[in-house]
Amino acid sequence: DVAAKKAKMDAVLAALTEEQAQQW
């Protein structure tokens, strides 16, 4: 469950700006 959650979050992070993603 959490592995799938991580994959989903990573996909959204990849679409953010570098500065926005760096915060996380």
PDB file of all heavy atoms in Angstrom:
ATOM      1  N   ASP A   1       0.835  -1.207   0.000  1.00  0.00           N
ATOM      2  CA  ASP A   1       0.000   0.000   0.000  1.00  0.00           C
ATOM      3  C   ASP A   1       0.868   1.255   0.000  1.00  0.00           C
ATOM      4  O   ASP A   1       0.640   2.185  -0.780  1.00  0.00           O
ATOM      5  CB  ASP A   1      -0.919   0.025   1.224  1.00  0.00           C
ATOM      6  CG  ASP A   1      -2.048  -0.992   1.148  1.00  0.00           C
ATOM      7  OD1 ASP A   1      -2.319  -1.477   0.035  1.00  0.00           O
ATOM      8  OD2 ASP A   1      -2.636  -1.298   2.197  1.00  0.00           O
ATOM      9  N   VAL A   2       1.858   1.273   0.899  1.00  0.00           N
ATOM     10  CA  VAL A   2       2.678   2.485   0.987  1.00  0.00           C
ATOM     11  C   VAL A   2       3.638   2.584  -0.198  1.00  0.00           C
ATOM     12  O   VAL A   2       4.001   3.685  -0.622  1.00  0.00           O
ATOM     13  CB  VAL A   2       3.440   2.561   2.333  1.00  0.00           C
ATOM     14  CG1 VAL A   2       2.470   2.681   3.490  1.00  0.00           C
ATOM     15  CG2 VAL A   2       4.387   1.400   2.527  1.00  0.00           C
ATOM     16  N   ALA A   3       4.048   1.436  -0.748  1.00  0.00           N
ATOM     17  CA  ALA A   3       4.891   1.477  -1.955  1.00  0.00           C
ATOM     18  C   ALA A   3       4.117   2.101  -3.119  1.00  0.00           C
ATOM     19  O   ALA A   3       4.651   2.920  -3.880  1.00  0.00           O
ATOM     20  CB  ALA A   3       5.370   0.080  -2.311  1.00  0.00           C
ATOM     21  N   ALA A   4       2.851   1.719  -3.256  1.00  0.00           N
ATOM     22  CA  ALA A   4       2.014   2.304  -4.309  1.00  0.00           C
ATOM     23  C   ALA A   4       1.780   3.791  -4.039  1.00  0.00           C
ATOM     24  O   ALA A   4       1.753   4.605  -4.974  1.00  0.00           O
ATOM     25  CB  ALA A   4       0.687   1.560  -4.393  1.00  0.00           C
ATOM     26  N   LYS A   5       1.603   4.135  -2.756  1.00  0.00           N
ATOM     27  CA  LYS A   5       1.420   5.542  -2.394  1.00  0.00           C
ATOM     28  C   LYS A   5       2.654   6.352  -2.760  1.00  0.00           C
ATOM     29  O   LYS A   5       2.559   7.459  -3.304  1.00  0.00           O
ATOM     30  CB  LYS A   5       1.144   5.649  -0.894  1.00  0.00           C
ATOM     31  CG  LYS A   5       0.861   7.059  -0.400  1.00  0.00           C
ATOM     32  CD  LYS A   5      -0.448   7.567  -0.918  1.00  0.00           C
ATOM     33  CE  LYS A   5      -0.808   8.919  -0.329  1.00  0.00           C
ATOM     34  NZ  LYS A   5      -2.068   9.451  -0.895  1.00  0.00           N
ATOM     35  N   LYS A   6       3.816   5.799  -2.484  1.00  0.00           N
ATOM     36  CA  LYS A   6       5.064   6.487  -2.817  1.00  0.00           C
ATOM     37  C   LYS A   6       5.176   6.696  -4.333  1.00  0.00           C
ATOM     38  O   LYS A   6       5.574   7.770  -4.796  1.00  0.00           O
ATOM     39  CB  LYS A   6       6.262   5.704  -2.307  1.00  0.00           C
ATOM     40  CG  LYS A   6       7.609   6.378  -2.565  1.00  0.00           C
ATOM     41  CD  LYS A   6       8.755   5.569  -1.996  1.00  0.00           C
ATOM     42  CE  LYS A   6      10.071   6.323  -2.088  1.00  0.00           C
ATOM     43  NZ  LYS A   6      10.419   6.722  -3.463  1.00  0.00           N
ATOM     44  N   ALA A   7       4.823   5.679  -5.099  1.00  0.00           N
ATOM     45  CA  ALA A   7       4.907   5.798  -6.557  1.00  0.00           C
ATOM     46  C   ALA A   7       4.000   6.916  -7.057  1.00  0.00           C
ATOM     47  O   ALA A   7       4.373   7.694  -7.946  1.00  0.00           O
ATOM     48  CB  ALA A   7       4.531   4.468  -7.203  1.00  0.00           C
ATOM     49  N   LYS A   8       2.807   7.010  -6.476  1.00  0.00           N
ATOM     50  CA  LYS A   8       1.862   8.058  -6.876  1.00  0.00           C
ATOM     51  C   LYS A   8       2.409   9.441  -6.511  1.00  0.00           C
ATOM     52  O   LYS A   8       2.361  10.379  -7.314  1.00  0.00           O
ATOM     53  CB  LYS A   8       0.510   7.836  -6.199  1.00  0.00           C
ATOM     54  CG  LYS A   8      -0.565   8.839  -6.604  1.00  0.00           C
ATOM     55  CD  LYS A   8      -1.869   8.546  -5.879  1.00  0.00           C
ATOM     56  CE  LYS A   8      -2.970   9.535  -6.247  1.00  0.00           C
ATOM     57  NZ  LYS A   8      -3.440   9.372  -7.633  1.00  0.00           N
ATOM     58  N   MET A   9       2.925   9.564  -5.287  1.00  0.00           N
ATOM     59  CA  MET A   9       3.470  10.852  -4.842  1.00  0.00           C
ATOM     60  C   MET A   9       4.678  11.244  -5.685  1.00  0.00           C
ATOM     61  O   MET A   9       4.838  12.411  -6.065  1.00  0.00           O
ATOM     62  CB  MET A   9       3.851  10.775  -3.360  1.00  0.00           C
ATOM     63  CG  MET A   9       2.698  10.474  -2.417  1.00  0.00           C
ATOM     64  SD  MET A   9       1.452  11.760  -2.315  1.00  0.00           S
ATOM     65  CE  MET A   9       2.328  13.012  -1.387  1.00  0.00           C
ATOM     66  N   ASP A  10       5.537  10.271  -5.993  1.00  0.00           N
ATOM     67  CA  ASP A  10       6.719  10.555  -6.813  1.00  0.00           C
ATOM     68  C   ASP A  10       6.327  11.045  -8.203  1.00  0.00           C
ATOM     69  O   ASP A  10       6.983  11.926  -8.776  1.00  0.00           O
ATOM     70  CB  ASP A  10       7.590   9.302  -6.933  1.00  0.00           C
ATOM     71  CG  ASP A  10       8.340   8.985  -5.649  1.00  0.00           C
ATOM     72  OD1 ASP A  10       8.370   9.852  -4.747  1.00  0.00           O
ATOM     73  OD2 ASP A  10       8.883   7.869  -5.537  1.00  0.00           O
ATOM     74  N   ALA A  11       5.261  10.490  -8.741  1.00  0.00           N
ATOM     75  CA  ALA A  11       4.811  10.909 -10.071  1.00  0.00           C
ATOM     76  C   ALA A  11       4.348  12.368 -10.051  1.00  0.00           C
ATOM     77  O   ALA A  11       4.627  13.136 -10.980  1.00  0.00           O
ATOM     78  CB  ALA A  11       3.687  10.002 -10.558  1.00  0.00           C
ATOM     79  N   VAL A  12       3.655  12.744  -8.982  1.00  0.00           N
ATOM     80  CA  VAL A  12       3.211  14.140  -8.869  1.00  0.00           C
ATOM     81  C   VAL A  12       4.409  15.052  -8.634  1.00  0.00           C
ATOM     82  O   VAL A  12       4.506  16.147  -9.210  1.00  0.00           O
ATOM     83  CB  VAL A  12       2.171  14.285  -7.741  1.00  0.00           C
ATOM     84  CG1 VAL A  12       1.778  15.750  -7.563  1.00  0.00           C
ATOM     85  CG2 VAL A  12       0.934  13.446  -8.045  1.00  0.00           C
ATOM     86  N   LEU A  13       5.341  14.619  -7.795  1.00  0.00           N
ATOM     87  CA  LEU A  13       6.549  15.413  -7.542  1.00  0.00           C
ATOM     88  C   LEU A  13       7.323  15.675  -8.835  1.00  0.00           C
ATOM     89  O   LEU A  13       7.862  16.771  -9.041  1.00  0.00           O
ATOM     90  CB  LEU A  13       7.455  14.697  -6.540  1.00  0.00           C
ATOM     91  CG  LEU A  13       7.032  14.737  -5.073  1.00  0.00           C
ATOM     92  CD1 LEU A  13       7.847  13.742  -4.257  1.00  0.00           C
ATOM     93  CD2 LEU A  13       7.201  16.141  -4.505  1.00  0.00           C
ATOM     94  N   ALA A  14       7.372  14.669  -9.688  1.00  0.00           N
ATOM     95  CA  ALA A  14       8.122  14.813 -10.941  1.00  0.00           C
ATOM     96  C   ALA A  14       7.543  15.884 -11.844  1.00  0.00           C
ATOM     97  O   ALA A  14       8.251  16.445 -12.684  1.00  0.00           O
ATOM     98  CB  ALA A  14       8.154  13.469 -11.673  1.00  0.00           C
ATOM     99  N   ALA A  15       6.259  16.199 -11.660  1.00  0.00           N
ATOM    100  CA  ALA A  15       5.613  17.205 -12.502  1.00  0.00           C
ATOM    101  C   ALA A  15       5.704  18.612 -11.904  1.00  0.00           C
ATOM    102  O   ALA A  15       5.283  19.582 -12.549  1.00  0.00           O
ATOM    103  CB  ALA A  15       4.146  16.834 -12.720  1.00  0.00           C
ATOM    104  N   LEU A  16       6.250  18.728 -10.680  1.00  0.00           N
ATOM    105  CA  LEU A  16       6.412  20.036 -10.064  1.00  0.00           C
ATOM    106  C   LEU A  16       7.675  20.715 -10.566  1.00  0.00           C
ATOM    107  O   LEU A  16       8.532  20.089 -11.196  1.00  0.00           O
ATOM    108  CB  LEU A  16       6.489  19.889  -8.537  1.00  0.00           C
ATOM    109  CG  LEU A  16       5.284  19.272  -7.820  1.00  0.00           C
ATOM    110  CD1 LEU A  16       5.552  19.228  -6.320  1.00  0.00           C
ATOM    111  CD2 LEU A  16       4.010  20.040  -8.117  1.00  0.00           C
ATOM    112  N   THR A  17       7.817  21.988 -10.276  1.00  0.00           N
ATOM    113  CA  THR A  17       9.070  22.664 -10.585  1.00  0.00           C
ATOM    114  C   THR A  17      10.164  22.104  -9.682  1.00  0.00           C
ATOM    115  O   THR A  17       9.875  21.511  -8.633  1.00  0.00           O
ATOM    116  CB  THR A  17       8.958  24.179 -10.356  1.00  0.00           C
ATOM    117  OG1 THR A  17       8.785  24.419  -8.946  1.00  0.00           O
ATOM    118  CG2 THR A  17       7.772  24.774 -11.131  1.00  0.00           C
ATOM    119  N   GLU A  18      11.395  22.309 -10.077  1.00  0.00           N
ATOM    120  CA  GLU A  18      12.519  21.791  -9.280  1.00  0.00           C
ATOM    121  C   GLU A  18      12.493  22.374  -7.871  1.00  0.00           C
ATOM    122  O   GLU A  18      12.729  21.670  -6.880  1.00  0.00           O
ATOM    123  CB  GLU A  18      13.841  22.133  -9.966  1.00  0.00           C
ATOM    124  CG  GLU A  18      15.059  21.569  -9.246  1.00  0.00           C
ATOM    125  CD  GLU A  18      16.366  21.876  -9.971  1.00  0.00           C
ATOM    126  OE1 GLU A  18      16.309  22.405 -11.108  1.00  0.00           O
ATOM    127  OE2 GLU A  18      17.432  21.603  -9.393  1.00  0.00           O
ATOM    128  N   GLU A  19      12.169  23.661  -7.766  1.00  0.00           N
ATOM    129  CA  GLU A  19      12.126  24.307  -6.454  1.00  0.00           C
ATOM    130  C   GLU A  19      11.012  23.721  -5.592  1.00  0.00           C
ATOM    131  O   GLU A  19      11.192  23.471  -4.394  1.00  0.00           O
ATOM    132  CB  GLU A  19      11.908  25.811  -6.627  1.00  0.00           C
ATOM    133  CG  GLU A  19      11.901  26.590  -5.319  1.00  0.00           C
ATOM    134  CD  GLU A  19      11.686  28.076  -5.523  1.00  0.00           C
ATOM    135  OE1 GLU A  19      11.601  28.515  -6.696  1.00  0.00           O
ATOM    136  OE2 GLU A  19      11.597  28.808  -4.521  1.00  0.00           O
ATOM    137  N   GLN A  20       9.844  23.492  -6.185  1.00  0.00           N
ATOM    138  CA  GLN A  20       8.727  22.926  -5.431  1.00  0.00           C
ATOM    139  C   GLN A  20       9.039  21.507  -4.970  1.00  0.00           C
ATOM    140  O   GLN A  20       8.751  21.138  -3.826  1.00  0.00           O
ATOM    141  CB  GLN A  20       7.464  22.930  -6.295  1.00  0.00           C
ATOM    142  CG  GLN A  20       6.882  24.308  -6.555  1.00  0.00           C
ATOM    143  CD  GLN A  20       5.786  24.284  -7.607  1.00  0.00           C
ATOM    144  OE1 GLN A  20       5.747  23.405  -8.470  1.00  0.00           O
ATOM    145  NE2 GLN A  20       4.898  25.260  -7.563  1.00  0.00           N
ATOM    146  N   ALA A  21       9.618  20.714  -5.848  1.00  0.00           N
ATOM    147  CA  ALA A  21       9.934  19.334  -5.501  1.00  0.00           C
ATOM    148  C   ALA A  21      11.020  19.259  -4.435  1.00  0.00           C
ATOM    149  O   ALA A  21      11.002  18.386  -3.557  1.00  0.00           O
ATOM    150  CB  ALA A  21      10.352  18.570  -6.748  1.00  0.00           C
ATOM    151  N   GLN A  22      11.972  20.183  -4.501  1.00  0.00           N
ATOM    152  CA  GLN A  22      13.101  20.168  -3.562  1.00  0.00           C
ATOM    153  C   GLN A  22      12.623  20.323  -2.118  1.00  0.00           C
ATOM    154  O   GLN A  22      13.234  19.794  -1.195  1.00  0.00           O
ATOM    155  CB  GLN A  22      14.079  21.294  -3.918  1.00  0.00           C
ATOM    156  CG  GLN A  22      15.389  21.257  -3.147  1.00  0.00           C
ATOM    157  CD  GLN A  22      16.220  20.007  -3.448  1.00  0.00           C
ATOM    158  OE1 GLN A  22      16.135  19.456  -4.535  1.00  0.00           O
ATOM    159  NE2 GLN A  22      17.023  19.580  -2.496  1.00  0.00           N
ATOM    160  N   GLN A  23      11.522  21.043  -1.931  1.00  0.00           N
ATOM    161  CA  GLN A  23      10.992  21.252  -0.580  1.00  0.00           C
ATOM    162  C   GLN A  23      10.677  19.931   0.118  1.00  0.00           C
ATOM    163  O   GLN A  23      10.736  19.834   1.348  1.00  0.00           O
ATOM    164  CB  GLN A  23       9.720  22.100  -0.650  1.00  0.00           C
ATOM    165  CG  GLN A  23       8.999  22.237   0.691  1.00  0.00           C
ATOM    166  CD  GLN A  23       7.657  22.954   0.566  1.00  0.00           C
ATOM    167  OE1 GLN A  23       7.496  23.825  -0.287  1.00  0.00           O
ATOM    168  NE2 GLN A  23       6.699  22.579   1.394  1.00  0.00           N
ATOM    169  N   TRP A  24      10.359  18.898  -0.680  1.00  0.00           N
ATOM    170  CA  TRP A  24       9.886  17.650  -0.089  1.00  0.00           C
ATOM    171  C   TRP A  24      10.961  16.590   0.069  1.00  0.00           C
ATOM    172  O   TRP A  24      10.677  15.475   0.525  1.00  0.00           O
ATOM    173  CB  TRP A  24       8.723  17.101  -0.927  1.00  0.00           C
ATOM    174  CG  TRP A  24       7.567  18.042  -0.834  1.00  0.00           C
ATOM    175  CD1 TRP A  24       7.126  18.924  -1.784  1.00  0.00           C
ATOM    176  CD2 TRP A  24       6.746  18.247   0.311  1.00  0.00           C
ATOM    177  NE1 TRP A  24       6.063  19.658  -1.298  1.00  0.00           N
ATOM    178  CE2 TRP A  24       5.811  19.253  -0.017  1.00  0.00           C
ATOM    179  CE3 TRP A  24       6.694  17.658   1.576  1.00  0.00           C
ATOM    180  CZ2 TRP A  24       4.853  19.697   0.886  1.00  0.00           C
ATOM    181  CZ3 TRP A  24       5.738  18.107   2.478  1.00  0.00           C
ATOM    182  CH2 TRP A  24       4.834  19.110   2.119  1.00  0.00           C
TER     183      TRP A  24
END
